[in-house]
Amino acid sequence: MDITTLYKIYLECTSVTTDSRNCPEGSLFIALKGDNFNGNAFAAKALESGSAYAVVDEAEHAPTGDSHYILVDNCLHTLQQLANYHRRQLGTRLIGITGTNGKTTTKELMAAVLLQKYNILYTLGNLNNHIGVPLTLLRLKPEHELGIIEMGASHPGDIKELVNIAEPDYGIITNVGKAHLEGFGSFEGVIKTKGELYDFLRKKDATTFIHHDNPYLMNISQGLNLISYGTEDDLYVNGRITGNSPYLAFEWKAGKDGE
């Protein structure tokens, strides 16, 4: 089935689920596979539990003549393609967030501020991988004015995959650190992978928020449309931490570019 036909079916559904234990009435179930499970085997259960349609990629789990089963080549790829197609149809402005530390905290703080003025969608919890990002995008509604998409990585190429699905209009890398080195191979591998967000934003000439005091980020920021923050007075926003006992305290002000 082509993506435009599947998209029409998606629009008829109430939600998208990949968990046969949680199938809201009228939902679209997409059967994913893992090391220890095969969602295709639970497609019938999903339909019995309330899903209107089940997307599967194994023919033996798609009874001939039953229109409630949708057979595709690869359920994961279909989920990602459907999410990207939906994102493009709505055209909602999206902010992409990645980094070694602070992704979820930054996302929650950003959401708390933006909710004061805008109707926004943001990543729930830390659903920031190749499954969580498309599921988040498929929650976008026409009434959403902005979206905040958290993106995590544990291997080279992970962020590139996610930005190609989400196609963010703005971006921020919180920091880069020496975590998950077994997946990235080296600290340089971490920087390169996180920098895949910058690579996408650079091609799109999109706005990038950057910590001016972080030399690793500044070193890979060439050619970006930057809004900078840090401790220097002439940045868009400048500030400093003034205490952390028991709560974090800081002071900040808009610099000359942020007036």
C-alpha atoms as a PDB file:
ATOM      1  CA  MET A   1       0.000   0.000   0.000  1.00  0.00           C
ATOM      2  CA  ASP A   2       1.350   3.436  -0.906  1.00  0.00           C
ATOM      3  CA  ILE A   3       1.802   6.054   1.819  1.00  0.00           C
ATOM      4  CA  THR A   4      -0.943   8.391   0.556  1.00  0.00           C
ATOM      5  CA  THR A   5      -3.547   5.637   0.756  1.00  0.00           C
ATOM      6  CA  LEU A   6      -2.355   4.621   4.211  1.00  0.00           C
ATOM      7  CA  TYR A   7      -2.462   8.261   5.291  1.00  0.00           C
ATOM      8  CA  LYS A   8      -6.158   8.461   4.420  1.00  0.00           C
ATOM      9  CA  ILE A   9      -6.738   5.428   6.640  1.00  0.00           C
ATOM     10  CA  TYR A  10      -4.650   7.025   9.420  1.00  0.00           C
ATOM     11  CA  LEU A  11      -6.849  10.124   9.279  1.00  0.00           C
ATOM     12  CA  GLU A  12      -9.897   7.944   9.915  1.00  0.00           C
ATOM     13  CA  CYS A  13      -8.319   6.502  13.063  1.00  0.00           C
ATOM     14  CA  THR A  14      -8.350   7.944  16.564  1.00  0.00           C
ATOM     15  CA  SER A  15      -4.665   7.305  17.306  1.00  0.00           C
ATOM     16  CA  VAL A  16      -1.670   5.135  16.479  1.00  0.00           C
ATOM     17  CA  THR A  17      -0.439   2.342  18.737  1.00  0.00           C
ATOM     18  CA  THR A  18       2.346  -0.217  18.589  1.00  0.00           C
ATOM     19  CA  ASP A  19       1.289  -1.978  21.805  1.00  0.00           C
ATOM     20  CA  SER A  20      -1.385  -4.659  21.513  1.00  0.00           C
ATOM     21  CA  ARG A  21      -2.065  -4.217  25.241  1.00  0.00           C
ATOM     22  CA  ASN A  22      -3.132  -0.616  24.632  1.00  0.00           C
ATOM     23  CA  CYS A  23      -5.451  -0.366  21.647  1.00  0.00           C
ATOM     24  CA  PRO A  24      -7.927   2.502  21.989  1.00  0.00           C
ATOM     25  CA  GLU A  25     -11.180   2.173  20.081  1.00  0.00           C
ATOM     26  CA  GLY A  26     -10.665   3.092  16.435  1.00  0.00           C
ATOM     27  CA  SER A  27      -6.864   3.173  16.626  1.00  0.00           C
ATOM     28  CA  LEU A  28      -4.324   2.131  14.000  1.00  0.00           C
ATOM     29  CA  PHE A  29      -2.094  -0.707  15.221  1.00  0.00           C
ATOM     30  CA  ILE A  30       1.347  -1.000  13.646  1.00  0.00           C
ATOM     31  CA  ALA A  31       3.093  -4.320  14.270  1.00  0.00           C
ATOM     32  CA  LEU A  32       6.741  -3.725  15.136  1.00  0.00           C
ATOM     33  CA  LYS A  33       9.418  -6.327  15.764  1.00  0.00           C
ATOM     34  CA  GLY A  34      12.098  -6.513  18.434  1.00  0.00           C
ATOM     35  CA  ASP A  35      14.720  -8.940  19.606  1.00  0.00           C
ATOM     36  CA  ASN A  36      12.190 -10.753  21.784  1.00  0.00           C
ATOM     37  CA  PHE A  37       8.819 -10.001  20.212  1.00  0.00           C
ATOM     38  CA  ASN A  38       6.986  -9.930  16.911  1.00  0.00           C
ATOM     39  CA  GLY A  39       4.049  -7.546  16.761  1.00  0.00           C
ATOM     40  CA  ASN A  40       2.614  -9.361  13.760  1.00  0.00           C
ATOM     41  CA  ALA A  41       1.599 -12.196  16.052  1.00  0.00           C
ATOM     42  CA  PHE A  42      -0.569  -9.788  18.061  1.00  0.00           C
ATOM     43  CA  ALA A  43      -2.365  -8.089  15.167  1.00  0.00           C
ATOM     44  CA  ALA A  44      -5.557 -10.100  15.641  1.00  0.00           C
ATOM     45  CA  LYS A  45      -5.529  -9.323  19.356  1.00  0.00           C
ATOM     46  CA  ALA A  46      -5.135  -5.607  18.593  1.00  0.00           C
ATOM     47  CA  LEU A  47      -8.202  -5.673  16.356  1.00  0.00           C
ATOM     48  CA  GLU A  48     -10.183  -7.555  18.976  1.00  0.00           C
ATOM     49  CA  SER A  49      -9.140  -5.018  21.601  1.00  0.00           C
ATOM     50  CA  GLY A  50     -10.364  -1.983  19.679  1.00  0.00           C
ATOM     51  CA  SER A  51      -8.022  -1.108  16.822  1.00  0.00           C
ATOM     52  CA  ALA A  52      -9.771  -0.383  13.523  1.00  0.00           C
ATOM     53  CA  TYR A  53      -6.832  -1.516  11.378  1.00  0.00           C
ATOM     54  CA  ALA A  54      -3.645  -3.512  11.849  1.00  0.00           C
ATOM     55  CA  VAL A  55      -0.541  -2.836   9.752  1.00  0.00           C
ATOM     56  CA  VAL A  56       1.588  -5.991   9.389  1.00  0.00           C
ATOM     57  CA  ASP A  57       4.609  -7.007   7.318  1.00  0.00           C
ATOM     58  CA  GLU A  58       4.173 -10.800   7.364  1.00  0.00           C
ATOM     59  CA  ALA A  59       1.615 -12.187   4.930  1.00  0.00           C
ATOM     60  CA  GLU A  60       0.640 -15.086   7.178  1.00  0.00           C
ATOM     61  CA  HIS A  61      -0.763 -12.544   9.652  1.00  0.00           C
ATOM     62  CA  ALA A  62      -2.923 -10.786   7.044  1.00  0.00           C
ATOM     63  CA  PRO A  63      -5.964 -12.949   6.234  1.00  0.00           C
ATOM     64  CA  THR A  64      -6.932 -12.724   2.581  1.00  0.00           C
ATOM     65  CA  GLY A  65      -9.953 -10.541   1.964  1.00  0.00           C
ATOM     66  CA  ASP A  66      -9.983  -8.900   5.411  1.00  0.00           C
ATOM     67  CA  SER A  67      -9.663  -5.144   4.841  1.00  0.00           C
ATOM     68  CA  HIS A  68      -8.811  -4.520   8.501  1.00  0.00           C
ATOM     69  CA  TYR A  69      -5.318  -5.920   7.861  1.00  0.00           C
ATOM     70  CA  ILE A  70      -2.882  -3.789   5.857  1.00  0.00           C
ATOM     71  CA  LEU A  71       0.181  -5.600   4.500  1.00  0.00           C
ATOM     72  CA  VAL A  72       3.360  -3.557   3.976  1.00  0.00           C
ATOM     73  CA  ASP A  73       6.996  -4.396   3.297  1.00  0.00           C
ATOM     74  CA  ASN A  74       8.372  -3.126   6.619  1.00  0.00           C
ATOM     75  CA  CYS A  75       6.251  -1.870   9.518  1.00  0.00           C
ATOM     76  CA  LEU A  76       8.985   0.260  11.102  1.00  0.00           C
ATOM     77  CA  HIS A  77       9.779   2.030   7.837  1.00  0.00           C
ATOM     78  CA  THR A  78       6.065   2.513   7.232  1.00  0.00           C
ATOM     79  CA  LEU A  79       5.645   4.092  10.674  1.00  0.00           C
ATOM     80  CA  GLN A  80       8.497   6.492   9.961  1.00  0.00           C
ATOM     81  CA  GLN A  81       7.278   7.342   6.449  1.00  0.00           C
ATOM     82  CA  LEU A  82       3.752   7.929   7.706  1.00  0.00           C
ATOM     83  CA  ALA A  83       5.032  10.258  10.427  1.00  0.00           C
ATOM     84  CA  ASN A  84       7.135  12.260   7.982  1.00  0.00           C
ATOM     85  CA  TYR A  85       4.251  12.494   5.516  1.00  0.00           C
ATOM     86  CA  HIS A  86       1.915  13.724   8.280  1.00  0.00           C
ATOM     87  CA  ARG A  87       4.498  16.251   9.462  1.00  0.00           C
ATOM     88  CA  ARG A  88       4.753  17.624   5.906  1.00  0.00           C
ATOM     89  CA  GLN A  89       0.990  17.818   5.442  1.00  0.00           C
ATOM     90  CA  LEU A  90       0.540  19.942   8.566  1.00  0.00           C
ATOM     91  CA  GLY A  91       3.679  22.049   8.200  1.00  0.00           C
ATOM     92  CA  THR A  92       3.822  22.689  11.943  1.00  0.00           C
ATOM     93  CA  ARG A  93       6.956  24.515  13.093  1.00  0.00           C
ATOM     94  CA  LEU A  94       9.104  22.044  15.032  1.00  0.00           C
ATOM     95  CA  ILE A  95      12.000  22.459  17.444  1.00  0.00           C
ATOM     96  CA  GLY A  96      14.479  19.566  17.522  1.00  0.00           C
ATOM     97  CA  ILE A  97      16.424  18.911  20.731  1.00  0.00           C
ATOM     98  CA  THR A  98      19.366  16.569  21.217  1.00  0.00           C
ATOM     99  CA  GLY A  99      22.475  16.385  23.390  1.00  0.00           C
ATOM    100  CA  THR A 100      24.308  14.027  25.713  1.00  0.00           C
ATOM    101  CA  ASN A 101      22.628  15.400  28.847  1.00  0.00           C
ATOM    102  CA  GLY A 102      19.669  17.611  29.604  1.00  0.00           C
ATOM    103  CA  LYS A 103      17.468  16.790  26.605  1.00  0.00           C
ATOM    104  CA  THR A 104      14.380  15.883  28.586  1.00  0.00           C
ATOM    105  CA  THR A 105      14.826  18.669  31.144  1.00  0.00           C
ATOM    106  CA  THR A 106      15.334  21.251  28.396  1.00  0.00           C
ATOM    107  CA  LYS A 107      12.298  19.946  26.546  1.00  0.00           C
ATOM    108  CA  GLU A 108      10.119  20.151  29.666  1.00  0.00           C
ATOM    109  CA  LEU A 109      11.311  23.664  30.531  1.00  0.00           C
ATOM    110  CA  MET A 110      10.816  24.830  26.967  1.00  0.00           C
ATOM    111  CA  ALA A 111       7.325  23.344  26.877  1.00  0.00           C
ATOM    112  CA  ALA A 112       6.387  24.994  30.182  1.00  0.00           C
ATOM    113  CA  VAL A 113       7.358  28.400  28.784  1.00  0.00           C
ATOM    114  CA  LEU A 114       5.849  28.033  25.308  1.00  0.00           C
ATOM    115  CA  LEU A 115       2.559  26.695  26.689  1.00  0.00           C
ATOM    116  CA  GLN A 116       1.984  30.138  28.196  1.00  0.00           C
ATOM    117  CA  LYS A 117       1.369  31.485  24.692  1.00  0.00           C
ATOM    118  CA  TYR A 118       1.060  28.646  22.186  1.00  0.00           C
ATOM    119  CA  ASN A 119      -0.822  25.406  21.684  1.00  0.00           C
ATOM    120  CA  ILE A 120       2.102  22.998  21.491  1.00  0.00           C
ATOM    121  CA  LEU A 121       2.855  19.302  21.218  1.00  0.00           C
ATOM    122  CA  TYR A 122       5.962  17.900  22.854  1.00  0.00           C
ATOM    123  CA  THR A 123       7.630  14.549  23.378  1.00  0.00           C
ATOM    124  CA  LEU A 124       6.136  12.577  26.260  1.00  0.00           C
ATOM    125  CA  GLY A 125       8.738  11.291  28.713  1.00  0.00           C
ATOM    126  CA  ASN A 126      11.849  10.338  26.786  1.00  0.00           C
ATOM    127  CA  LEU A 127      10.238   8.764  23.709  1.00  0.00           C
ATOM    128  CA  ASN A 128      13.113  10.059  21.621  1.00  0.00           C
ATOM    129  CA  ASN A 129      14.242   7.161  19.436  1.00  0.00           C
ATOM    130  CA  HIS A 130      13.423   5.813  15.963  1.00  0.00           C
ATOM    131  CA  ILE A 131      10.019   4.669  17.243  1.00  0.00           C
ATOM    132  CA  GLY A 132       9.218   7.394  19.776  1.00  0.00           C
ATOM    133  CA  VAL A 133       9.882  10.296  17.398  1.00  0.00           C
ATOM    134  CA  PRO A 134       7.457   9.117  14.675  1.00  0.00           C
ATOM    135  CA  LEU A 135       4.824   8.268  17.293  1.00  0.00           C
ATOM    136  CA  THR A 136       5.171  11.791  18.652  1.00  0.00           C
ATOM    137  CA  LEU A 137       4.826  13.316  15.186  1.00  0.00           C
ATOM    138  CA  LEU A 138       1.676  11.283  14.557  1.00  0.00           C
ATOM    139  CA  ARG A 139       0.120  12.977  17.606  1.00  0.00           C
ATOM    140  CA  LEU A 140       0.341  16.351  15.836  1.00  0.00           C
ATOM    141  CA  LYS A 141      -3.021  18.006  15.214  1.00  0.00           C
ATOM    142  CA  PRO A 142      -3.882  20.989  12.984  1.00  0.00           C
ATOM    143  CA  GLU A 143      -4.476  23.114  16.075  1.00  0.00           C
ATOM    144  CA  HIS A 144      -0.897  22.706  17.302  1.00  0.00           C
ATOM    145  CA  GLU A 145       1.128  25.855  16.645  1.00  0.00           C
ATOM    146  CA  LEU A 146       4.521  24.421  17.626  1.00  0.00           C
ATOM    147  CA  GLY A 147       6.073  21.066  18.347  1.00  0.00           C
ATOM    148  CA  ILE A 148       9.078  20.123  20.480  1.00  0.00           C
ATOM    149  CA  ILE A 149      10.734  16.903  19.387  1.00  0.00           C
ATOM    150  CA  GLU A 150      13.374  15.286  21.611  1.00  0.00           C
ATOM    151  CA  MET A 151      15.891  13.128  19.748  1.00  0.00           C
ATOM    152  CA  GLY A 152      18.276  10.652  21.344  1.00  0.00           C
ATOM    153  CA  ALA A 153      21.169   8.677  19.906  1.00  0.00           C
ATOM    154  CA  SER A 154      23.356   5.742  20.842  1.00  0.00           C
ATOM    155  CA  HIS A 155      25.037   5.049  17.490  1.00  0.00           C
ATOM    156  CA  PRO A 156      26.406   7.064  14.565  1.00  0.00           C
ATOM    157  CA  GLY A 157      23.675   8.082  12.147  1.00  0.00           C
ATOM    158  CA  ASP A 158      20.870   7.984  14.721  1.00  0.00           C
ATOM    159  CA  ILE A 159      20.279  11.736  14.731  1.00  0.00           C
ATOM    160  CA  LYS A 160      20.471  11.937  10.943  1.00  0.00           C
ATOM    161  CA  GLU A 161      17.717   9.334  10.747  1.00  0.00           C
ATOM    162  CA  LEU A 162      15.532  11.240  13.214  1.00  0.00           C
ATOM    163  CA  VAL A 163      15.962  14.696  11.678  1.00  0.00           C
ATOM    164  CA  ASN A 164      15.076  13.278   8.269  1.00  0.00           C
ATOM    165  CA  ILE A 165      11.812  12.057   9.792  1.00  0.00           C
ATOM    166  CA  ALA A 166      10.995  15.162  11.846  1.00  0.00           C
ATOM    167  CA  GLU A 167      12.528  17.845   9.590  1.00  0.00           C
ATOM    168  CA  PRO A 168      12.797  20.441  12.400  1.00  0.00           C
ATOM    169  CA  ASP A 169      12.622  24.192  11.727  1.00  0.00           C
ATOM    170  CA  TYR A 170      14.689  25.080  14.799  1.00  0.00           C
ATOM    171  CA  GLY A 171      17.241  23.141  16.803  1.00  0.00           C
ATOM    172  CA  ILE A 172      19.354  22.992  19.909  1.00  0.00           C
ATOM    173  CA  ILE A 173      22.126  20.658  21.063  1.00  0.00           C
ATOM    174  CA  THR A 174      22.245  20.931  24.850  1.00  0.00           C
ATOM    175  CA  ASN A 175      25.825  19.645  25.110  1.00  0.00           C
ATOM    176  CA  VAL A 176      28.140  16.823  24.082  1.00  0.00           C
ATOM    177  CA  GLY A 177      29.737  14.472  26.591  1.00  0.00           C
ATOM    178  CA  LYS A 178      31.589  11.195  26.930  1.00  0.00           C
ATOM    179  CA  ALA A 179      28.563   8.942  27.311  1.00  0.00           C
ATOM    180  CA  HIS A 180      27.679   5.775  25.346  1.00  0.00           C
ATOM    181  CA  LEU A 181      31.183   5.741  23.890  1.00  0.00           C
ATOM    182  CA  GLU A 182      30.845   2.014  23.215  1.00  0.00           C
ATOM    183  CA  GLY A 183      28.169   2.884  20.641  1.00  0.00           C
ATOM    184  CA  PHE A 184      29.876   5.921  19.135  1.00  0.00           C
ATOM    185  CA  GLY A 185      33.437   4.622  19.211  1.00  0.00           C
ATOM    186  CA  SER A 186      34.954   7.853  20.520  1.00  0.00           C
ATOM    187  CA  PHE A 187      34.121  11.288  21.871  1.00  0.00           C
ATOM    188  CA  GLU A 188      34.603  12.606  18.351  1.00  0.00           C
ATOM    189  CA  GLY A 189      31.923  10.144  17.266  1.00  0.00           C
ATOM    190  CA  VAL A 190      29.552  11.638  19.832  1.00  0.00           C
ATOM    191  CA  ILE A 191      30.188  15.141  18.515  1.00  0.00           C
ATOM    192  CA  LYS A 192      29.724  14.067  14.903  1.00  0.00           C
ATOM    193  CA  THR A 193      26.468  12.248  15.647  1.00  0.00           C
ATOM    194  CA  LYS A 194      24.940  15.075  17.697  1.00  0.00           C
ATOM    195  CA  GLY A 195      26.157  17.448  14.989  1.00  0.00           C
ATOM    196  CA  GLU A 196      23.921  15.681  12.495  1.00  0.00           C
ATOM    197  CA  LEU A 197      21.201  18.008  13.785  1.00  0.00           C
ATOM    198  CA  TYR A 198      23.357  20.983  12.792  1.00  0.00           C
ATOM    199  CA  ASP A 199      23.998  19.390   9.382  1.00  0.00           C
ATOM    200  CA  PHE A 200      20.270  19.296   8.684  1.00  0.00           C
ATOM    201  CA  LEU A 201      19.607  22.795  10.003  1.00  0.00           C
ATOM    202  CA  ARG A 202      22.503  24.174   7.970  1.00  0.00           C
ATOM    203  CA  LYS A 203      21.034  22.827   4.714  1.00  0.00           C
ATOM    204  CA  LYS A 204      17.644  24.282   5.622  1.00  0.00           C
ATOM    205  CA  ASP A 205      19.085  27.616   6.823  1.00  0.00           C
ATOM    206  CA  ALA A 206      17.020  27.070   9.960  1.00  0.00           C
ATOM    207  CA  THR A 207      17.509  28.867  13.264  1.00  0.00           C
ATOM    208  CA  THR A 208      19.853  27.156  15.724  1.00  0.00           C
ATOM    209  CA  PHE A 209      20.095  27.984  19.423  1.00  0.00           C
ATOM    210  CA  ILE A 210      23.660  27.493  20.663  1.00  0.00           C
ATOM    211  CA  HIS A 211      25.562  27.634  23.956  1.00  0.00           C
ATOM    212  CA  HIS A 212      28.281  30.105  23.074  1.00  0.00           C
ATOM    213  CA  ASP A 213      30.517  28.950  25.959  1.00  0.00           C
ATOM    214  CA  ASN A 214      30.719  25.384  24.632  1.00  0.00           C
ATOM    215  CA  PRO A 215      33.800  25.111  22.375  1.00  0.00           C
ATOM    216  CA  TYR A 216      32.777  21.716  20.970  1.00  0.00           C
ATOM    217  CA  LEU A 217      29.478  23.105  19.702  1.00  0.00           C
ATOM    218  CA  MET A 218      30.986  26.344  18.465  1.00  0.00           C
ATOM    219  CA  ASN A 219      33.606  24.406  16.493  1.00  0.00           C
ATOM    220  CA  ILE A 220      30.907  22.704  14.409  1.00  0.00           C
ATOM    221  CA  SER A 221      28.575  25.690  14.088  1.00  0.00           C
ATOM    222  CA  GLN A 222      29.976  27.202  10.900  1.00  0.00           C
ATOM    223  CA  GLY A 223      27.329  28.241   8.406  1.00  0.00           C
ATOM    224  CA  LEU A 224      24.455  28.092  10.878  1.00  0.00           C
ATOM    225  CA  ASN A 225      21.851  30.791  11.511  1.00  0.00           C
ATOM    226  CA  LEU A 226      22.628  31.216  15.218  1.00  0.00           C
ATOM    227  CA  ILE A 227      20.892  32.613  18.257  1.00  0.00           C
ATOM    228  CA  SER A 228      23.522  32.443  20.993  1.00  0.00           C
ATOM    229  CA  TYR A 229      23.262  32.241  24.771  1.00  0.00           C
ATOM    230  CA  GLY A 230      25.963  32.071  27.440  1.00  0.00           C
ATOM    231  CA  THR A 231      27.826  34.282  29.884  1.00  0.00           C
ATOM    232  CA  GLU A 232      29.020  37.071  27.583  1.00  0.00           C
ATOM    233  CA  ASP A 233      27.107  40.356  27.743  1.00  0.00           C
ATOM    234  CA  ASP A 234      26.587  40.808  24.005  1.00  0.00           C
ATOM    235  CA  LEU A 235      24.792  37.483  23.417  1.00  0.00           C
ATOM    236  CA  TYR A 236      21.072  37.201  22.742  1.00  0.00           C
ATOM    237  CA  VAL A 237      20.627  35.914  26.295  1.00  0.00           C
ATOM    238  CA  ASN A 238      23.316  35.908  28.968  1.00  0.00           C
ATOM    239  CA  GLY A 239      23.275  34.644  32.523  1.00  0.00           C
ATOM    240  CA  ARG A 240      24.966  32.693  35.247  1.00  0.00           C
ATOM    241  CA  ILE A 241      24.138  30.208  37.996  1.00  0.00           C
ATOM    242  CA  THR A 242      24.033  31.857  41.413  1.00  0.00           C
ATOM    243  CA  GLY A 243      23.301  28.856  43.638  1.00  0.00           C
ATOM    244  CA  ASN A 244      22.151  25.240  43.845  1.00  0.00           C
ATOM    245  CA  SER A 245      21.296  24.582  47.495  1.00  0.00           C
ATOM    246  CA  PRO A 246      18.752  23.133  47.615  1.00  0.00           C
ATOM    247  CA  TYR A 247      17.320  24.510  44.366  1.00  0.00           C
ATOM    248  CA  LEU A 248      19.046  25.795  41.276  1.00  0.00           C
ATOM    249  CA  ALA A 249      19.143  29.584  41.155  1.00  0.00           C
ATOM    250  CA  PHE A 250      20.327  31.775  38.301  1.00  0.00           C
ATOM    251  CA  GLU A 251      20.092  35.249  36.912  1.00  0.00           C
ATOM    252  CA  TRP A 252      19.808  36.208  33.275  1.00  0.00           C
ATOM    253  CA  LYS A 253      19.106  39.114  30.995  1.00  0.00           C
ATOM    254  CA  ALA A 254      18.730  39.830  27.310  1.00  0.00           C
ATOM    255  CA  GLY A 255      21.869  41.094  25.646  1.00  0.00           C
ATOM    256  CA  LYS A 256      21.945  43.793  23.008  1.00  0.00           C
ATOM    257  CA  ASP A 257      20.827  41.313  20.341  1.00  0.00           C
ATOM    258  CA  GLY A 258      17.932  40.151  22.512  1.00  0.00           C
ATOM    259  CA  GLU A 259      16.446  43.525  23.304  1.00  0.00           C
END
